[in-house]
Amino acid sequence: MNSSIEVMVAEHEYIIRLIRVIRQASLNIFNGGEIDSDDFEEIID
């Protein structure tokens, strides 16, 4: 596989994982859980 394609595939996997983490954190907040601002700062950074 071309090196640039491999990089894009790897980045895509990270993006999917990030979306899952953000979704779970959002659901926790929606269900009355506490907001951990440190978690969101790490996600954004």
PDB file of N, CA and C in Angstrom:
ATOM      1  N   MET A   1       0.845  -1.178   0.000  1.00  0.00           N
ATOM      2  CA  MET A   1       0.000   0.000   0.000  1.00  0.00           C
ATOM      3  C   MET A   1       0.893   1.245   0.000  1.00  0.00           C
ATOM      4  N   ASN A   2       0.423   2.256  -0.650  1.00  0.00           N
ATOM      5  CA  ASN A   2       1.152   3.515  -0.716  1.00  0.00           C
ATOM      6  C   ASN A   2       1.264   4.121   0.683  1.00  0.00           C
ATOM      7  N   SER A   3       2.409   4.719   0.962  1.00  0.00           N
ATOM      8  CA  SER A   3       2.665   5.282   2.291  1.00  0.00           C
ATOM      9  C   SER A   3       1.627   6.333   2.688  1.00  0.00           C
ATOM     10  N   SER A   4       1.248   7.197   1.766  1.00  0.00           N
ATOM     11  CA  SER A   4       0.263   8.237   2.093  1.00  0.00           C
ATOM     12  C   SER A   4      -1.100   7.623   2.400  1.00  0.00           C
ATOM     13  N   ILE A   5      -1.438   6.553   1.719  1.00  0.00           N
ATOM     14  CA  ILE A   5      -2.699   5.867   1.990  1.00  0.00           C
ATOM     15  C   ILE A   5      -2.655   5.221   3.368  1.00  0.00           C
ATOM     16  N   GLU A   6      -1.533   4.643   3.729  1.00  0.00           N
ATOM     17  CA  GLU A   6      -1.386   4.038   5.053  1.00  0.00           C
ATOM     18  C   GLU A   6      -1.562   5.082   6.151  1.00  0.00           C
ATOM     19  N   VAL A   7      -1.011   6.261   5.929  1.00  0.00           N
ATOM     20  CA  VAL A   7      -1.145   7.349   6.903  1.00  0.00           C
ATOM     21  C   VAL A   7      -2.612   7.754   7.040  1.00  0.00           C
ATOM     22  N   MET A   8      -3.307   7.899   5.911  1.00  0.00           N
ATOM     23  CA  MET A   8      -4.720   8.282   5.963  1.00  0.00           C
ATOM     24  C   MET A   8      -5.569   7.217   6.650  1.00  0.00           C
ATOM     25  N   VAL A   9      -5.280   5.942   6.410  1.00  0.00           N
ATOM     26  CA  VAL A   9      -6.021   4.862   7.063  1.00  0.00           C
ATOM     27  C   VAL A   9      -5.801   4.921   8.573  1.00  0.00           C
ATOM     28  N   ALA A  10      -4.561   5.127   8.995  1.00  0.00           N
ATOM     29  CA  ALA A  10      -4.254   5.220  10.425  1.00  0.00           C
ATOM     30  C   ALA A  10      -4.960   6.425  11.046  1.00  0.00           C
ATOM     31  N   GLU A  11      -4.933   7.564  10.369  1.00  0.00           N
ATOM     32  CA  GLU A  11      -5.605   8.758  10.882  1.00  0.00           C
ATOM     33  C   GLU A  11      -7.106   8.529  10.984  1.00  0.00           C
ATOM     34  N   HIS A  12      -7.667   7.826  10.008  1.00  0.00           N
ATOM     35  CA  HIS A  12      -9.096   7.525  10.025  1.00  0.00           C
ATOM     36  C   HIS A  12      -9.454   6.687  11.256  1.00  0.00           C
ATOM     37  N   GLU A  13      -8.621   5.727  11.586  1.00  0.00           N
ATOM     38  CA  GLU A  13      -8.857   4.890  12.767  1.00  0.00           C
ATOM     39  C   GLU A  13      -8.825   5.731  14.041  1.00  0.00           C
ATOM     40  N   TYR A  14      -7.891   6.682  14.121  1.00  0.00           N
ATOM     41  CA  TYR A  14      -7.820   7.567  15.288  1.00  0.00           C
ATOM     42  C   TYR A  14      -9.056   8.459  15.377  1.00  0.00           C
ATOM     43  N   ILE A  15      -9.520   8.940  14.237  1.00  0.00           N
ATOM     44  CA  ILE A  15     -10.703   9.806  14.221  1.00  0.00           C
ATOM     45  C   ILE A  15     -11.933   9.035  14.692  1.00  0.00           C
ATOM     46  N   ILE A  16     -12.085   7.804  14.230  1.00  0.00           N
ATOM     47  CA  ILE A  16     -13.218   6.981  14.659  1.00  0.00           C
ATOM     48  C   ILE A  16     -13.155   6.750  16.166  1.00  0.00           C
ATOM     49  N   ARG A  17     -11.968   6.459  16.691  1.00  0.00           N
ATOM     50  CA  ARG A  17     -11.820   6.258  18.137  1.00  0.00           C
ATOM     51  C   ARG A  17     -12.174   7.538  18.888  1.00  0.00           C
ATOM     52  N   LEU A  18     -11.707   8.679  18.389  1.00  0.00           N
ATOM     53  CA  LEU A  18     -12.003   9.966  19.023  1.00  0.00           C
ATOM     54  C   LEU A  18     -13.505  10.223  19.066  1.00  0.00           C
ATOM     55  N   ILE A  19     -14.198   9.928  17.981  1.00  0.00           N
ATOM     56  CA  ILE A  19     -15.645  10.126  17.933  1.00  0.00           C
ATOM     57  C   ILE A  19     -16.339   9.251  18.969  1.00  0.00           C
ATOM     58  N   ARG A  20     -15.879   8.016  19.121  1.00  0.00           N
ATOM     59  CA  ARG A  20     -16.469   7.126  20.129  1.00  0.00           C
ATOM     60  C   ARG A  20     -16.264   7.673  21.542  1.00  0.00           C
ATOM     61  N   VAL A  21     -15.077   8.186  21.816  1.00  0.00           N
ATOM     62  CA  VAL A  21     -14.779   8.736  23.143  1.00  0.00           C
ATOM     63  C   VAL A  21     -15.638   9.967  23.413  1.00  0.00           C
ATOM     64  N   ILE A  22     -15.735  10.860  22.441  1.00  0.00           N
ATOM     65  CA  ILE A  22     -16.547  12.069  22.603  1.00  0.00           C
ATOM     66  C   ILE A  22     -18.015  11.703  22.781  1.00  0.00           C
ATOM     67  N   ARG A  23     -18.487  10.734  22.014  1.00  0.00           N
ATOM     68  CA  ARG A  23     -19.885  10.306  22.133  1.00  0.00           C
ATOM     69  C   ARG A  23     -20.160   9.771  23.534  1.00  0.00           C
ATOM     70  N   GLN A  24     -19.274   8.930  24.045  1.00  0.00           N
ATOM     71  CA  GLN A  24     -19.483   8.360  25.375  1.00  0.00           C
ATOM     72  C   GLN A  24     -19.462   9.445  26.449  1.00  0.00           C
ATOM     73  N   ALA A  25     -18.535  10.379  26.339  1.00  0.00           N
ATOM     74  CA  ALA A  25     -18.474  11.480  27.307  1.00  0.00           C
ATOM     75  C   ALA A  25     -19.746  12.320  27.237  1.00  0.00           C
ATOM     76  N   SER A  26     -20.234  12.566  26.037  1.00  0.00           N
ATOM     77  CA  SER A  26     -21.462  13.348  25.868  1.00  0.00           C
ATOM     78  C   SER A  26     -22.663  12.624  26.456  1.00  0.00           C
ATOM     79  N   LEU A  27     -22.746  11.315  26.232  1.00  0.00           N
ATOM     80  CA  LEU A  27     -23.847  10.535  26.805  1.00  0.00           C
ATOM     81  C   LEU A  27     -23.801  10.545  28.326  1.00  0.00           C
ATOM     82  N   ASN A  28     -22.603  10.466  28.884  1.00  0.00           N
ATOM     83  CA  ASN A  28     -22.473  10.527  30.341  1.00  0.00           C
ATOM     84  C   ASN A  28     -23.003  11.854  30.882  1.00  0.00           C
ATOM     85  N   ILE A  29     -22.667  12.943  30.211  1.00  0.00           N
ATOM     86  CA  ILE A  29     -23.147  14.264  30.622  1.00  0.00           C
ATOM     87  C   ILE A  29     -24.663  14.340  30.454  1.00  0.00           C
ATOM     88  N   PHE A  30     -25.160  13.858  29.326  1.00  0.00           N
ATOM     89  CA  PHE A  30     -26.599  13.880  29.052  1.00  0.00           C
ATOM     90  C   PHE A  30     -27.379  13.115  30.115  1.00  0.00           C
ATOM     91  N   ASN A  31     -26.803  12.039  30.611  1.00  0.00           N
ATOM     92  CA  ASN A  31     -27.464  11.205  31.614  1.00  0.00           C
ATOM     93  C   ASN A  31     -27.224  11.686  33.045  1.00  0.00           C
ATOM     94  N   GLY A  32     -26.719  12.907  33.187  1.00  0.00           N
ATOM     95  CA  GLY A  32     -26.581  13.500  34.511  1.00  0.00           C
ATOM     96  C   GLY A  32     -25.213  13.336  35.134  1.00  0.00           C
ATOM     97  N   GLY A  33     -24.282  12.797  34.397  1.00  0.00           N
ATOM     98  CA  GLY A  33     -22.931  12.638  34.925  1.00  0.00           C
ATOM     99  C   GLY A  33     -22.211  13.968  35.026  1.00  0.00           C
ATOM    100  N   GLU A  34     -21.109  13.950  35.712  1.00  0.00           N
ATOM    101  CA  GLU A  34     -20.321  15.169  35.877  1.00  0.00           C
ATOM    102  C   GLU A  34     -19.521  15.469  34.610  1.00  0.00           C
ATOM    103  N   ILE A  35     -19.263  16.741  34.417  1.00  0.00           N
ATOM    104  CA  ILE A  35     -18.444  17.175  33.294  1.00  0.00           C
ATOM    105  C   ILE A  35     -17.005  17.236  33.764  1.00  0.00           C
ATOM    106  N   ASP A  36     -16.158  16.456  33.137  1.00  0.00           N
ATOM    107  CA  ASP A  36     -14.732  16.475  33.461  1.00  0.00           C
ATOM    108  C   ASP A  36     -14.033  17.335  32.409  1.00  0.00           C
ATOM    109  N   SER A  37     -13.828  18.603  32.741  1.00  0.00           N
ATOM    110  CA  SER A  37     -13.251  19.530  31.768  1.00  0.00           C
ATOM    111  C   SER A  37     -11.848  19.117  31.348  1.00  0.00           C
ATOM    112  N   ASP A  38     -11.123  18.428  32.215  1.00  0.00           N
ATOM    113  CA  ASP A  38      -9.785  17.952  31.846  1.00  0.00           C
ATOM    114  C   ASP A  38      -9.857  16.959  30.693  1.00  0.00           C
ATOM    115  N   ASP A  39     -10.861  16.087  30.716  1.00  0.00           N
ATOM    116  CA  ASP A  39     -11.031  15.125  29.628  1.00  0.00           C
ATOM    117  C   ASP A  39     -11.257  15.838  28.304  1.00  0.00           C
ATOM    118  N   PHE A  40     -12.140  16.840  28.315  1.00  0.00           N
ATOM    119  CA  PHE A  40     -12.433  17.541  27.080  1.00  0.00           C
ATOM    120  C   PHE A  40     -11.234  18.354  26.598  1.00  0.00           C
ATOM    121  N   GLU A  41     -10.456  18.898  27.511  1.00  0.00           N
ATOM    122  CA  GLU A  41      -9.247  19.619  27.107  1.00  0.00           C
ATOM    123  C   GLU A  41      -8.264  18.672  26.429  1.00  0.00           C
ATOM    124  N   GLU A  42      -8.130  17.456  26.960  1.00  0.00           N
ATOM    125  CA  GLU A  42      -7.237  16.474  26.346  1.00  0.00           C
ATOM    126  C   GLU A  42      -7.747  16.049  24.978  1.00  0.00           C
ATOM    127  N   ILE A  43      -9.059  15.896  24.842  1.00  0.00           N
ATOM    128  CA  ILE A  43      -9.636  15.510  23.555  1.00  0.00           C
ATOM    129  C   ILE A  43      -9.350  16.582  22.513  1.00  0.00           C
ATOM    130  N   ILE A  44      -9.548  17.834  22.883  1.00  0.00           N
ATOM    131  CA  ILE A  44      -9.364  18.932  21.938  1.00  0.00           C
ATOM    132  C   ILE A  44      -7.895  19.130  21.602  1.00  0.00           C
ATOM    133  N   ASP A  45      -7.039  18.977  22.591  1.00  0.00           N
ATOM    134  CA  ASP A  45      -5.610  19.200  22.376  1.00  0.00           C
ATOM    135  C   ASP A  45      -5.051  18.025  21.647  1.00  0.00           C
TER     136      ASP A  45
END
